[in-house]
Amino acid sequence: MNIARQGISFMVIGGCLVVADWAVFVMLTALGWPPPMANIAGRIVGALLGFWANGRITFASALGRHRFIRFAVVWTILTLLSTWLVTIVVIYLGLQMAWLAKPLVEGGLAILSFIMSRHWVYR
């Protein structure tokens, strides 16, 4: 597959996933959930949609157990990093700044996610 086509597809799908993740995070924290738990919940929503969409559309692969396990490993690592970064923003700058920072955090992590997905998860 052409890396440019994969990159564009990954960005379009990823943009939709970031919006869903962010909306869950904002809604849950506004309802009083602790930011780390709300971040994980938002990322779970994104993961449920992202594994299938990127596997089928972006990387045109057959999905299976071994790919899901690889996806879960990458997702766990990136979720720990995302949760740590968002929590740092909450501690030092407040919840509203975390609402603004979360899409930036996820956008930065998307670069790592694309590389790991292309070269390991959906290979």
PDB file of N, CA and C in Angstrom:
ATOM      1  N   MET A   1       0.829  -1.189   0.000  1.00  0.00           N
ATOM      2  CA  MET A   1       0.000   0.000   0.000  1.00  0.00           C
ATOM      3  C   MET A   1       0.877   1.258   0.000  1.00  0.00           C
ATOM      4  N   ASN A   2       0.397   2.253  -0.624  1.00  0.00           N
ATOM      5  CA  ASN A   2       1.075   3.528  -0.702  1.00  0.00           C
ATOM      6  C   ASN A   2       1.036   4.217   0.663  1.00  0.00           C
ATOM      7  N   ILE A   3       2.200   4.624   1.150  1.00  0.00           N
ATOM      8  CA  ILE A   3       2.275   5.249   2.472  1.00  0.00           C
ATOM      9  C   ILE A   3       1.495   6.567   2.520  1.00  0.00           C
ATOM     10  N   ALA A   4       1.451   7.300   1.414  1.00  0.00           N
ATOM     11  CA  ALA A   4       0.698   8.563   1.395  1.00  0.00           C
ATOM     12  C   ALA A   4      -0.797   8.290   1.561  1.00  0.00           C
ATOM     13  N   ARG A   5      -1.316   7.278   0.837  1.00  0.00           N
ATOM     14  CA  ARG A   5      -2.733   6.930   0.952  1.00  0.00           C
ATOM     15  C   ARG A   5      -3.047   6.441   2.359  1.00  0.00           C
ATOM     16  N   GLN A   6      -2.153   5.620   2.905  1.00  0.00           N
ATOM     17  CA  GLN A   6      -2.353   5.134   4.272  1.00  0.00           C
ATOM     18  C   GLN A   6      -2.317   6.287   5.272  1.00  0.00           C
ATOM     19  N   GLY A   7      -1.390   7.198   5.081  1.00  0.00           N
ATOM     20  CA  GLY A   7      -1.280   8.340   5.987  1.00  0.00           C
ATOM     21  C   GLY A   7      -2.522   9.205   5.978  1.00  0.00           C
ATOM     22  N   ILE A   8      -3.054   9.462   4.782  1.00  0.00           N
ATOM     23  CA  ILE A   8      -4.266  10.280   4.668  1.00  0.00           C
ATOM     24  C   ILE A   8      -5.453   9.560   5.306  1.00  0.00           C
ATOM     25  N   SER A   9      -5.598   8.288   5.007  1.00  0.00           N
ATOM     26  CA  SER A   9      -6.692   7.510   5.590  1.00  0.00           C
ATOM     27  C   SER A   9      -6.573   7.466   7.115  1.00  0.00           C
ATOM     28  N   PHE A  10      -5.361   7.249   7.608  1.00  0.00           N
ATOM     29  CA  PHE A  10      -5.126   7.198   9.052  1.00  0.00           C
ATOM     30  C   PHE A  10      -5.485   8.532   9.707  1.00  0.00           C
ATOM     31  N   MET A  11      -5.153   9.640   9.042  1.00  0.00           N
ATOM     32  CA  MET A  11      -5.469  10.963   9.602  1.00  0.00           C
ATOM     33  C   MET A  11      -6.971  11.230   9.622  1.00  0.00           C
ATOM     34  N   VAL A  12      -7.674  10.842   8.567  1.00  0.00           N
ATOM     35  CA  VAL A  12      -9.119  11.074   8.515  1.00  0.00           C
ATOM     36  C   VAL A  12      -9.820  10.232   9.584  1.00  0.00           C
ATOM     37  N   ILE A  13      -9.496   8.945   9.620  1.00  0.00           N
ATOM     38  CA  ILE A  13     -10.094   8.075  10.633  1.00  0.00           C
ATOM     39  C   ILE A  13      -9.674   8.539  12.025  1.00  0.00           C
ATOM     40  N   GLY A  14      -8.397   8.837  12.181  1.00  0.00           N
ATOM     41  CA  GLY A  14      -7.886   9.302  13.473  1.00  0.00           C
ATOM     42  C   GLY A  14      -8.547  10.579  13.939  1.00  0.00           C
ATOM     43  N   GLY A  15      -8.821  11.493  13.023  1.00  0.00           N
ATOM     44  CA  GLY A  15      -9.511  12.728  13.381  1.00  0.00           C
ATOM     45  C   GLY A  15     -10.888  12.443  13.971  1.00  0.00           C
ATOM     46  N   CYS A  16     -11.608  11.520  13.367  1.00  0.00           N
ATOM     47  CA  CYS A  16     -12.923  11.128  13.898  1.00  0.00           C
ATOM     48  C   CYS A  16     -12.781  10.472  15.268  1.00  0.00           C
ATOM     49  N   LEU A  17     -11.747   9.657  15.430  1.00  0.00           N
ATOM     50  CA  LEU A  17     -11.527   8.978  16.706  1.00  0.00           C
ATOM     51  C   LEU A  17     -11.145   9.968  17.803  1.00  0.00           C
ATOM     52  N   VAL A  18     -10.338  10.965  17.464  1.00  0.00           N
ATOM     53  CA  VAL A  18      -9.947  11.980  18.452  1.00  0.00           C
ATOM     54  C   VAL A  18     -11.175  12.766  18.907  1.00  0.00           C
ATOM     55  N   VAL A  19     -12.061  13.094  17.983  1.00  0.00           N
ATOM     56  CA  VAL A  19     -13.283  13.821  18.352  1.00  0.00           C
ATOM     57  C   VAL A  19     -14.126  12.976  19.309  1.00  0.00           C
ATOM     58  N   ALA A  20     -14.289  11.693  18.997  1.00  0.00           N
ATOM     59  CA  ALA A  20     -15.080  10.814  19.873  1.00  0.00           C
ATOM     60  C   ALA A  20     -14.422  10.680  21.243  1.00  0.00           C
ATOM     61  N   ASP A  21     -13.111  10.444  21.258  1.00  0.00           N
ATOM     62  CA  ASP A  21     -12.341  10.309  22.498  1.00  0.00           C
ATOM     63  C   ASP A  21     -12.458  11.591  23.327  1.00  0.00           C
ATOM     64  N   TRP A  22     -12.248  12.726  22.694  1.00  0.00           N
ATOM     65  CA  TRP A  22     -12.294  14.023  23.375  1.00  0.00           C
ATOM     66  C   TRP A  22     -13.679  14.288  23.954  1.00  0.00           C
ATOM     67  N   ALA A  23     -14.731  13.996  23.168  1.00  0.00           N
ATOM     68  CA  ALA A  23     -16.096  14.241  23.631  1.00  0.00           C
ATOM     69  C   ALA A  23     -16.408  13.412  24.874  1.00  0.00           C
ATOM     70  N   VAL A  24     -15.989  12.158  24.883  1.00  0.00           N
ATOM     71  CA  VAL A  24     -16.202  11.302  26.057  1.00  0.00           C
ATOM     72  C   VAL A  24     -15.426  11.856  27.246  1.00  0.00           C
ATOM     73  N   PHE A  25     -14.178  12.250  27.030  1.00  0.00           N
ATOM     74  CA  PHE A  25     -13.347  12.800  28.102  1.00  0.00           C
ATOM     75  C   PHE A  25     -13.980  14.049  28.710  1.00  0.00           C
ATOM     76  N   VAL A  26     -14.388  14.979  27.876  1.00  0.00           N
ATOM     77  CA  VAL A  26     -14.983  16.231  28.363  1.00  0.00           C
ATOM     78  C   VAL A  26     -16.294  15.950  29.095  1.00  0.00           C
ATOM     79  N   MET A  27     -17.145  15.125  28.500  1.00  0.00           N
ATOM     80  CA  MET A  27     -18.434  14.830  29.117  1.00  0.00           C
ATOM     81  C   MET A  27     -18.252  14.171  30.491  1.00  0.00           C
ATOM     82  N   LEU A  28     -17.382  13.182  30.570  1.00  0.00           N
ATOM     83  CA  LEU A  28     -17.217  12.469  31.838  1.00  0.00           C
ATOM     84  C   LEU A  28     -16.564  13.338  32.907  1.00  0.00           C
ATOM     85  N   THR A  29     -15.553  14.128  32.533  1.00  0.00           N
ATOM     86  CA  THR A  29     -14.931  14.999  33.537  1.00  0.00           C
ATOM     87  C   THR A  29     -15.894  16.094  33.975  1.00  0.00           C
ATOM     88  N   ALA A  30     -16.732  16.580  33.070  1.00  0.00           N
ATOM     89  CA  ALA A  30     -17.743  17.577  33.435  1.00  0.00           C
ATOM     90  C   ALA A  30     -18.759  16.986  34.411  1.00  0.00           C
ATOM     91  N   LEU A  31     -18.959  15.681  34.327  1.00  0.00           N
ATOM     92  CA  LEU A  31     -19.868  14.994  35.248  1.00  0.00           C
ATOM     93  C   LEU A  31     -19.188  14.600  36.560  1.00  0.00           C
ATOM     94  N   GLY A  32     -17.893  14.919  36.676  1.00  0.00           N
ATOM     95  CA  GLY A  32     -17.190  14.676  37.928  1.00  0.00           C
ATOM     96  C   GLY A  32     -16.262  13.477  37.958  1.00  0.00           C
ATOM     97  N   TRP A  33     -16.117  12.775  36.848  1.00  0.00           N
ATOM     98  CA  TRP A  33     -15.179  11.644  36.811  1.00  0.00           C
ATOM     99  C   TRP A  33     -13.755  12.159  36.979  1.00  0.00           C
ATOM    100  N   PRO A  34     -12.879  11.397  37.601  1.00  0.00           N
ATOM    101  CA  PRO A  34     -11.464  11.771  37.658  1.00  0.00           C
ATOM    102  C   PRO A  34     -10.871  11.765  36.243  1.00  0.00           C
ATOM    103  N   PRO A  35     -10.062  12.760  35.912  1.00  0.00           N
ATOM    104  CA  PRO A  35      -9.502  12.837  34.560  1.00  0.00           C
ATOM    105  C   PRO A  35      -8.796  11.565  34.072  1.00  0.00           C
ATOM    106  N   PRO A  36      -7.992  10.877  34.889  1.00  0.00           N
ATOM    107  CA  PRO A  36      -7.361   9.654  34.359  1.00  0.00           C
ATOM    108  C   PRO A  36      -8.386   8.601  33.916  1.00  0.00           C
ATOM    109  N   MET A  37      -9.442   8.422  34.684  1.00  0.00           N
ATOM    110  CA  MET A  37     -10.469   7.432  34.318  1.00  0.00           C
ATOM    111  C   MET A  37     -11.244   7.871  33.077  1.00  0.00           C
ATOM    112  N   ALA A  38     -11.555   9.159  32.999  1.00  0.00           N
ATOM    113  CA  ALA A  38     -12.268   9.684  31.837  1.00  0.00           C
ATOM    114  C   ALA A  38     -11.407   9.570  30.581  1.00  0.00           C
ATOM    115  N   ASN A  39     -10.106   9.782  30.720  1.00  0.00           N
ATOM    116  CA  ASN A  39      -9.204   9.649  29.574  1.00  0.00           C
ATOM    117  C   ASN A  39      -9.192   8.215  29.067  1.00  0.00           C
ATOM    118  N   ILE A  40      -9.099   7.269  29.981  1.00  0.00           N
ATOM    119  CA  ILE A  40      -9.088   5.858  29.588  1.00  0.00           C
ATOM    120  C   ILE A  40     -10.416   5.488  28.921  1.00  0.00           C
ATOM    121  N   ALA A  41     -11.522   5.956  29.469  1.00  0.00           N
ATOM    122  CA  ALA A  41     -12.834   5.678  28.867  1.00  0.00           C
ATOM    123  C   ALA A  41     -12.923   6.237  27.448  1.00  0.00           C
ATOM    124  N   GLY A  42     -12.440   7.457  27.252  1.00  0.00           N
ATOM    125  CA  GLY A  42     -12.445   8.051  25.916  1.00  0.00           C
ATOM    126  C   GLY A  42     -11.590   7.268  24.946  1.00  0.00           C
ATOM    127  N   ARG A  43     -10.437   6.822  25.404  1.00  0.00           N
ATOM    128  CA  ARG A  43      -9.548   6.044  24.540  1.00  0.00           C
ATOM    129  C   ARG A  43     -10.129   4.671  24.223  1.00  0.00           C
ATOM    130  N   ILE A  44     -10.900   4.108  25.134  1.00  0.00           N
ATOM    131  CA  ILE A  44     -11.567   2.829  24.850  1.00  0.00           C
ATOM    132  C   ILE A  44     -12.573   3.005  23.710  1.00  0.00           C
ATOM    133  N   VAL A  45     -13.339   4.089  23.756  1.00  0.00           N
ATOM    134  CA  VAL A  45     -14.287   4.371  22.673  1.00  0.00           C
ATOM    135  C   VAL A  45     -13.537   4.473  21.345  1.00  0.00           C
ATOM    136  N   GLY A  46     -12.436   5.220  21.331  1.00  0.00           N
ATOM    137  CA  GLY A  46     -11.640   5.345  20.119  1.00  0.00           C
ATOM    138  C   GLY A  46     -11.069   4.013  19.662  1.00  0.00           C
ATOM    139  N   ALA A  47     -10.634   3.191  20.607  1.00  0.00           N
ATOM    140  CA  ALA A  47     -10.041   1.889  20.270  1.00  0.00           C
ATOM    141  C   ALA A  47     -11.064   0.961  19.626  1.00  0.00           C
ATOM    142  N   LEU A  48     -12.267   0.971  20.162  1.00  0.00           N
ATOM    143  CA  LEU A  48     -13.301   0.094  19.618  1.00  0.00           C
ATOM    144  C   LEU A  48     -13.582   0.416  18.147  1.00  0.00           C
ATOM    145  N   LEU A  49     -13.569   1.672  17.823  1.00  0.00           N
ATOM    146  CA  LEU A  49     -13.799   2.091  16.444  1.00  0.00           C
ATOM    147  C   LEU A  49     -12.533   1.970  15.594  1.00  0.00           C
ATOM    148  N   GLY A  50     -11.397   2.306  16.185  1.00  0.00           N
ATOM    149  CA  GLY A  50     -10.148   2.409  15.433  1.00  0.00           C
ATOM    150  C   GLY A  50      -9.552   1.100  14.970  1.00  0.00           C
ATOM    151  N   PHE A  51      -9.632   0.051  15.774  1.00  0.00           N
ATOM    152  CA  PHE A  51      -9.035  -1.227  15.375  1.00  0.00           C
ATOM    153  C   PHE A  51      -9.654  -1.708  14.070  1.00  0.00           C
ATOM    154  N   TRP A  52     -10.956  -1.693  14.007  1.00  0.00           N
ATOM    155  CA  TRP A  52     -11.628  -2.170  12.808  1.00  0.00           C
ATOM    156  C   TRP A  52     -11.391  -1.223  11.623  1.00  0.00           C
ATOM    157  N   ALA A  53     -11.626   0.071  11.833  1.00  0.00           N
ATOM    158  CA  ALA A  53     -11.543   1.028  10.721  1.00  0.00           C
ATOM    159  C   ALA A  53     -10.137   1.089  10.118  1.00  0.00           C
ATOM    160  N   ASN A  54      -9.119   1.186  10.953  1.00  0.00           N
ATOM    161  CA  ASN A  54      -7.763   1.252  10.406  1.00  0.00           C
ATOM    162  C   ASN A  54      -7.321  -0.086   9.833  1.00  0.00           C
ATOM    163  N   GLY A  55      -7.733  -1.171  10.457  1.00  0.00           N
ATOM    164  CA  GLY A  55      -7.373  -2.483   9.928  1.00  0.00           C
ATOM    165  C   GLY A  55      -7.962  -2.739   8.559  1.00  0.00           C
ATOM    166  N   ARG A  56      -9.230  -2.457   8.407  1.00  0.00           N
ATOM    167  CA  ARG A  56      -9.920  -2.730   7.139  1.00  0.00           C
ATOM    168  C   ARG A  56      -9.680  -1.663   6.083  1.00  0.00           C
ATOM    169  N   ILE A  57      -9.738  -0.409   6.478  1.00  0.00           N
ATOM    170  CA  ILE A  57      -9.698   0.677   5.497  1.00  0.00           C
ATOM    171  C   ILE A  57      -8.271   1.166   5.250  1.00  0.00           C
ATOM    172  N   THR A  58      -7.559   1.546   6.301  1.00  0.00           N
ATOM    173  CA  THR A  58      -6.235   2.144   6.125  1.00  0.00           C
ATOM    174  C   THR A  58      -5.195   1.134   5.666  1.00  0.00           C
ATOM    175  N   PHE A  59      -5.130   0.003   6.350  1.00  0.00           N
ATOM    176  CA  PHE A  59      -4.068  -0.960   6.067  1.00  0.00           C
ATOM    177  C   PHE A  59      -4.561  -2.181   5.295  1.00  0.00           C
ATOM    178  N   ALA A  60      -5.849  -2.243   4.982  1.00  0.00           N
ATOM    179  CA  ALA A  60      -6.451  -3.304   4.179  1.00  0.00           C
ATOM    180  C   ALA A  60      -5.963  -4.680   4.595  1.00  0.00           C
ATOM    181  N   SER A  61      -6.075  -4.988   5.864  1.00  0.00           N
ATOM    182  CA  SER A  61      -5.630  -6.277   6.379  1.00  0.00           C
ATOM    183  C   SER A  61      -6.811  -7.079   6.876  1.00  0.00           C
ATOM    184  N   ALA A  62      -6.562  -8.371   6.910  1.00  0.00           N
ATOM    185  CA  ALA A  62      -7.519  -9.241   7.583  1.00  0.00           C
ATOM    186  C   ALA A  62      -7.298  -9.056   9.079  1.00  0.00           C
ATOM    187  N   LEU A  63      -8.378  -8.939   9.803  1.00  0.00           N
ATOM    188  CA  LEU A  63      -8.262  -8.764  11.249  1.00  0.00           C
ATOM    189  C   LEU A  63      -8.288 -10.136  11.898  1.00  0.00           C
ATOM    190  N   GLY A  64      -7.552 -10.251  12.960  1.00  0.00           N
ATOM    191  CA  GLY A  64      -7.530 -11.523  13.664  1.00  0.00           C
ATOM    192  C   GLY A  64      -6.992 -11.338  15.061  1.00  0.00           C
ATOM    193  N   ARG A  65      -6.917 -12.459  15.754  1.00  0.00           N
ATOM    194  CA  ARG A  65      -6.488 -12.426  17.148  1.00  0.00           C
ATOM    195  C   ARG A  65      -5.079 -11.869  17.314  1.00  0.00           C
ATOM    196  N   HIS A  66      -4.143 -12.312  16.482  1.00  0.00           N
ATOM    197  CA  HIS A  66      -2.755 -11.830  16.648  1.00  0.00           C
ATOM    198  C   HIS A  66      -2.635 -10.333  16.383  1.00  0.00           C
ATOM    199  N   ARG A  67      -3.397  -9.818  15.438  1.00  0.00           N
ATOM    200  CA  ARG A  67      -3.375  -8.367  15.195  1.00  0.00           C
ATOM    201  C   ARG A  67      -4.042  -7.619  16.333  1.00  0.00           C
ATOM    202  N   PHE A  68      -5.108  -8.192  16.882  1.00  0.00           N
ATOM    203  CA  PHE A  68      -5.774  -7.537  18.006  1.00  0.00           C
ATOM    204  C   PHE A  68      -4.843  -7.483  19.219  1.00  0.00           C
ATOM    205  N   ILE A  69      -4.097  -8.542  19.466  1.00  0.00           N
ATOM    206  CA  ILE A  69      -3.155  -8.555  20.600  1.00  0.00           C
ATOM    207  C   ILE A  69      -2.089  -7.484  20.394  1.00  0.00           C
ATOM    208  N   ARG A  70      -1.566  -7.381  19.191  1.00  0.00           N
ATOM    209  CA  ARG A  70      -0.577  -6.329  18.901  1.00  0.00           C
ATOM    210  C   ARG A  70      -1.185  -4.945  19.080  1.00  0.00           C
ATOM    211  N   PHE A  71      -2.411  -4.778  18.582  1.00  0.00           N
ATOM    212  CA  PHE A  71      -3.119  -3.511  18.740  1.00  0.00           C
ATOM    213  C   PHE A  71      -3.275  -3.180  20.225  1.00  0.00           C
ATOM    214  N   ALA A  72      -3.656  -4.171  21.018  1.00  0.00           N
ATOM    215  CA  ALA A  72      -3.865  -3.957  22.457  1.00  0.00           C
ATOM    216  C   ALA A  72      -2.583  -3.540  23.158  1.00  0.00           C
ATOM    217  N   VAL A  73      -1.454  -4.109  22.752  1.00  0.00           N
ATOM    218  CA  VAL A  73      -0.164  -3.725  23.346  1.00  0.00           C
ATOM    219  C   VAL A  73       0.141  -2.263  23.029  1.00  0.00           C
ATOM    220  N   VAL A  74       0.027  -1.893  21.762  1.00  0.00           N
ATOM    221  CA  VAL A  74       0.295  -0.507  21.358  1.00  0.00           C
ATOM    222  C   VAL A  74      -0.693   0.435  22.045  1.00  0.00           C
ATOM    223  N   TRP A  75      -1.970   0.073  22.053  1.00  0.00           N
ATOM    224  CA  TRP A  75      -2.991   0.909  22.675  1.00  0.00           C
ATOM    225  C   TRP A  75      -2.693   1.116  24.158  1.00  0.00           C
ATOM    226  N   THR A  76      -2.292   0.076  24.850  1.00  0.00           N
ATOM    227  CA  THR A  76      -2.001   0.187  26.282  1.00  0.00           C
ATOM    228  C   THR A  76      -0.846   1.149  26.534  1.00  0.00           C
ATOM    229  N   ILE A  77       0.215   1.015  25.779  1.00  0.00           N
ATOM    230  CA  ILE A  77       1.376   1.899  25.937  1.00  0.00           C
ATOM    231  C   ILE A  77       0.984   3.352  25.668  1.00  0.00           C
ATOM    232  N   LEU A  78       0.280   3.586  24.564  1.00  0.00           N
ATOM    233  CA  LEU A  78      -0.117   4.956  24.218  1.00  0.00           C
ATOM    234  C   LEU A  78      -1.158   5.507  25.189  1.00  0.00           C
ATOM    235  N   THR A  79      -2.011   4.658  25.730  1.00  0.00           N
ATOM    236  CA  THR A  79      -2.999   5.107  26.711  1.00  0.00           C
ATOM    237  C   THR A  79      -2.323   5.517  28.012  1.00  0.00           C
ATOM    238  N   LEU A  80      -1.336   4.757  28.441  1.00  0.00           N
ATOM    239  CA  LEU A  80      -0.586   5.141  29.645  1.00  0.00           C
ATOM    240  C   LEU A  80       0.089   6.492  29.440  1.00  0.00           C
ATOM    241  N   LEU A  81       0.704   6.676  28.285  1.00  0.00           N
ATOM    242  CA  LEU A  81       1.377   7.941  27.981  1.00  0.00           C
ATOM    243  C   LEU A  81       0.360   9.087  27.885  1.00  0.00           C
ATOM    244  N   SER A  82      -0.736   8.873  27.208  1.00  0.00           N
ATOM    245  CA  SER A  82      -1.783   9.895  27.079  1.00  0.00           C
ATOM    246  C   SER A  82      -2.347  10.282  28.441  1.00  0.00           C
ATOM    247  N   THR A  83      -2.647   9.283  29.255  1.00  0.00           N
ATOM    248  CA  THR A  83      -3.221   9.541  30.575  1.00  0.00           C
ATOM    249  C   THR A  83      -2.246  10.315  31.450  1.00  0.00           C
ATOM    250  N   TRP A  84      -0.985   9.964  31.391  1.00  0.00           N
ATOM    251  CA  TRP A  84       0.039  10.679  32.160  1.00  0.00           C
ATOM    252  C   TRP A  84       0.114  12.139  31.714  1.00  0.00           C
ATOM    253  N   LEU A  85       0.159  12.373  30.405  1.00  0.00           N
ATOM    254  CA  LEU A  85       0.272  13.748  29.892  1.00  0.00           C
ATOM    255  C   LEU A  85      -0.961  14.583  30.234  1.00  0.00           C
ATOM    256  N   VAL A  86      -2.145  14.021  30.050  1.00  0.00           N
ATOM    257  CA  VAL A  86      -3.378  14.757  30.365  1.00  0.00           C
ATOM    258  C   VAL A  86      -3.452  15.054  31.862  1.00  0.00           C
ATOM    259  N   THR A  87      -3.059  14.099  32.677  1.00  0.00           N
ATOM    260  CA  THR A  87      -3.075  14.311  34.131  1.00  0.00           C
ATOM    261  C   THR A  87      -2.104  15.412  34.537  1.00  0.00           C
ATOM    262  N   ILE A  88      -0.943  15.468  33.915  1.00  0.00           N
ATOM    263  CA  ILE A  88       0.026  16.534  34.192  1.00  0.00           C
ATOM    264  C   ILE A  88      -0.589  17.899  33.866  1.00  0.00           C
ATOM    265  N   VAL A  89      -1.293  17.984  32.745  1.00  0.00           N
ATOM    266  CA  VAL A  89      -1.941  19.244  32.380  1.00  0.00           C
ATOM    267  C   VAL A  89      -2.997  19.612  33.423  1.00  0.00           C
ATOM    268  N   VAL A  90      -3.802  18.647  33.858  1.00  0.00           N
ATOM    269  CA  VAL A  90      -4.821  18.921  34.873  1.00  0.00           C
ATOM    270  C   VAL A  90      -4.176  19.443  36.152  1.00  0.00           C
ATOM    271  N   ILE A  91      -3.116  18.806  36.589  1.00  0.00           N
ATOM    272  CA  ILE A  91      -2.453  19.185  37.846  1.00  0.00           C
ATOM    273  C   ILE A  91      -1.894  20.603  37.775  1.00  0.00           C
ATOM    274  N   TYR A  92      -1.213  20.923  36.682  1.00  0.00           N
ATOM    275  CA  TYR A  92      -0.516  22.212  36.609  1.00  0.00           C
ATOM    276  C   TYR A  92      -1.323  23.342  35.977  1.00  0.00           C
ATOM    277  N   LEU A  93      -2.287  23.001  35.109  1.00  0.00           N
ATOM    278  CA  LEU A  93      -3.005  24.057  34.386  1.00  0.00           C
ATOM    279  C   LEU A  93      -4.516  24.022  34.565  1.00  0.00           C
ATOM    280  N   GLY A  94      -5.046  22.946  35.117  1.00  0.00           N
ATOM    281  CA  GLY A  94      -6.482  22.849  35.358  1.00  0.00           C
ATOM    282  C   GLY A  94      -7.216  22.020  34.319  1.00  0.00           C
ATOM    283  N   LEU A  95      -8.437  21.664  34.678  1.00  0.00           N
ATOM    284  CA  LEU A  95      -9.245  20.783  33.841  1.00  0.00           C
ATOM    285  C   LEU A  95      -9.587  21.400  32.485  1.00  0.00           C
ATOM    286  N   GLN A  96      -9.956  22.671  32.466  1.00  0.00           N
ATOM    287  CA  GLN A  96     -10.329  23.290  31.189  1.00  0.00           C
ATOM    288  C   GLN A  96      -9.148  23.308  30.211  1.00  0.00           C
ATOM    289  N   MET A  97      -7.953  23.507  30.717  1.00  0.00           N
ATOM    290  CA  MET A  97      -6.778  23.457  29.831  1.00  0.00           C
ATOM    291  C   MET A  97      -6.535  22.030  29.348  1.00  0.00           C
ATOM    292  N   ALA A  98      -6.855  21.050  30.173  1.00  0.00           N
ATOM    293  CA  ALA A  98      -6.729  19.656  29.745  1.00  0.00           C
ATOM    294  C   ALA A  98      -7.719  19.358  28.627  1.00  0.00           C
ATOM    295  N   TRP A  99      -8.913  19.948  28.705  1.00  0.00           N
ATOM    296  CA  TRP A  99      -9.878  19.779  27.617  1.00  0.00           C
ATOM    297  C   TRP A  99      -9.307  20.292  26.304  1.00  0.00           C
ATOM    298  N   LEU A 100      -8.589  21.413  26.378  1.00  0.00           N
ATOM    299  CA  LEU A 100      -7.969  21.971  25.167  1.00  0.00           C
ATOM    300  C   LEU A 100      -6.726  21.190  24.739  1.00  0.00           C
ATOM    301  N   ALA A 101      -5.985  20.681  25.710  1.00  0.00           N
ATOM    302  CA  ALA A 101      -4.721  20.001  25.408  1.00  0.00           C
ATOM    303  C   ALA A 101      -4.919  18.573  24.891  1.00  0.00           C
ATOM    304  N   LYS A 102      -6.003  17.926  25.281  1.00  0.00           N
ATOM    305  CA  LYS A 102      -6.183  16.517  24.920  1.00  0.00           C
ATOM    306  C   LYS A 102      -6.096  16.256  23.420  1.00  0.00           C
ATOM    307  N   PRO A 103      -6.754  17.028  22.554  1.00  0.00           N
ATOM    308  CA  PRO A 103      -6.594  16.766  21.116  1.00  0.00           C
ATOM    309  C   PRO A 103      -5.144  16.915  20.647  1.00  0.00           C
ATOM    310  N   LEU A 104      -4.394  17.827  21.247  1.00  0.00           N
ATOM    311  CA  LEU A 104      -2.986  17.985  20.877  1.00  0.00           C
ATOM    312  C   LEU A 104      -2.162  16.782  21.323  1.00  0.00           C
ATOM    313  N   VAL A 105      -2.437  16.303  22.530  1.00  0.00           N
ATOM    314  CA  VAL A 105      -1.750  15.107  23.033  1.00  0.00           C
ATOM    315  C   VAL A 105      -2.028  13.928  22.099  1.00  0.00           C
ATOM    316  N   GLU A 106      -3.295  13.724  21.779  1.00  0.00           N
ATOM    317  CA  GLU A 106      -3.674  12.592  20.923  1.00  0.00           C
ATOM    318  C   GLU A 106      -3.118  12.756  19.507  1.00  0.00           C
ATOM    319  N   GLY A 107      -3.062  13.970  19.013  1.00  0.00           N
ATOM    320  CA  GLY A 107      -2.480  14.205  17.693  1.00  0.00           C
ATOM    321  C   GLY A 107      -1.008  13.847  17.651  1.00  0.00           C
ATOM    322  N   GLY A 108      -0.289  14.215  18.705  1.00  0.00           N
ATOM    323  CA  GLY A 108       1.128  13.849  18.772  1.00  0.00           C
ATOM    324  C   GLY A 108       1.325  12.349  18.874  1.00  0.00           C
ATOM    325  N   LEU A 109       0.492  11.700  19.656  1.00  0.00           N
ATOM    326  CA  LEU A 109       0.597  10.248  19.796  1.00  0.00           C
ATOM    327  C   LEU A 109       0.184   9.517  18.520  1.00  0.00           C
ATOM    328  N   ALA A 110      -0.615  10.172  17.685  1.00  0.00           N
ATOM    329  CA  ALA A 110      -1.045   9.554  16.430  1.00  0.00           C
ATOM    330  C   ALA A 110       0.133   9.231  15.524  1.00  0.00           C
ATOM    331  N   ILE A 111       1.174  10.032  15.588  1.00  0.00           N
ATOM    332  CA  ILE A 111       2.369   9.761  14.767  1.00  0.00           C
ATOM    333  C   ILE A 111       2.984   8.431  15.185  1.00  0.00           C
ATOM    334  N   LEU A 112       3.149   8.236  16.484  1.00  0.00           N
ATOM    335  CA  LEU A 112       3.674   6.959  16.985  1.00  0.00           C
ATOM    336  C   LEU A 112       2.735   5.818  16.634  1.00  0.00           C
ATOM    337  N   SER A 113       1.451   6.040  16.768  1.00  0.00           N
ATOM    338  CA  SER A 113       0.463   5.015  16.476  1.00  0.00           C
ATOM    339  C   SER A 113       0.522   4.586  15.011  1.00  0.00           C
ATOM    340  N   PHE A 114       0.653   5.552  14.107  1.00  0.00           N
ATOM    341  CA  PHE A 114       0.734   5.225  12.679  1.00  0.00           C
ATOM    342  C   PHE A 114       1.953   4.362  12.394  1.00  0.00           C
ATOM    343  N   ILE A 115       3.082   4.758  12.909  1.00  0.00           N
ATOM    344  CA  ILE A 115       4.319   4.000  12.656  1.00  0.00           C
ATOM    345  C   ILE A 115       4.195   2.580  13.202  1.00  0.00           C
ATOM    346  N   MET A 116       3.719   2.441  14.434  1.00  0.00           N
ATOM    347  CA  MET A 116       3.593   1.111  15.024  1.00  0.00           C
ATOM    348  C   MET A 116       2.514   0.285  14.319  1.00  0.00           C
ATOM    349  N   SER A 117       1.436   0.928  13.902  1.00  0.00           N
ATOM    350  CA  SER A 117       0.375   0.206  13.198  1.00  0.00           C
ATOM    351  C   SER A 117       0.846  -0.292  11.844  1.00  0.00           C
ATOM    352  N   ARG A 118       1.517   0.560  11.125  1.00  0.00           N
ATOM    353  CA  ARG A 118       1.977   0.204   9.768  1.00  0.00           C
ATOM    354  C   ARG A 118       3.041  -0.887   9.794  1.00  0.00           C
ATOM    355  N   HIS A 119       3.948  -0.804  10.741  1.00  0.00           N
ATOM    356  CA  HIS A 119       5.093  -1.703  10.736  1.00  0.00           C
ATOM    357  C   HIS A 119       4.974  -2.907  11.657  1.00  0.00           C
ATOM    358  N   TRP A 120       3.955  -2.932  12.510  1.00  0.00           N
ATOM    359  CA  TRP A 120       3.865  -4.057  13.440  1.00  0.00           C
ATOM    360  C   TRP A 120       2.442  -4.584  13.607  1.00  0.00           C
ATOM    361  N   VAL A 121       1.492  -3.728  13.945  1.00  0.00           N
ATOM    362  CA  VAL A 121       0.140  -4.200  14.278  1.00  0.00           C
ATOM    363  C   VAL A 121      -0.537  -4.865  13.085  1.00  0.00           C
ATOM    364  N   TYR A 122      -0.611  -4.174  11.952  1.00  0.00           N
ATOM    365  CA  TYR A 122      -1.367  -4.679  10.801  1.00  0.00           C
ATOM    366  C   TYR A 122      -0.463  -5.309   9.747  1.00  0.00           C
ATOM    367  N   ARG A 123       0.717  -5.673  10.090  1.00  0.00           N
ATOM    368  CA  ARG A 123       1.670  -6.298   9.167  1.00  0.00           C
ATOM    369  C   ARG A 123       1.319  -7.715   8.927  1.00  0.00           C
TER     370      ARG A 123
END
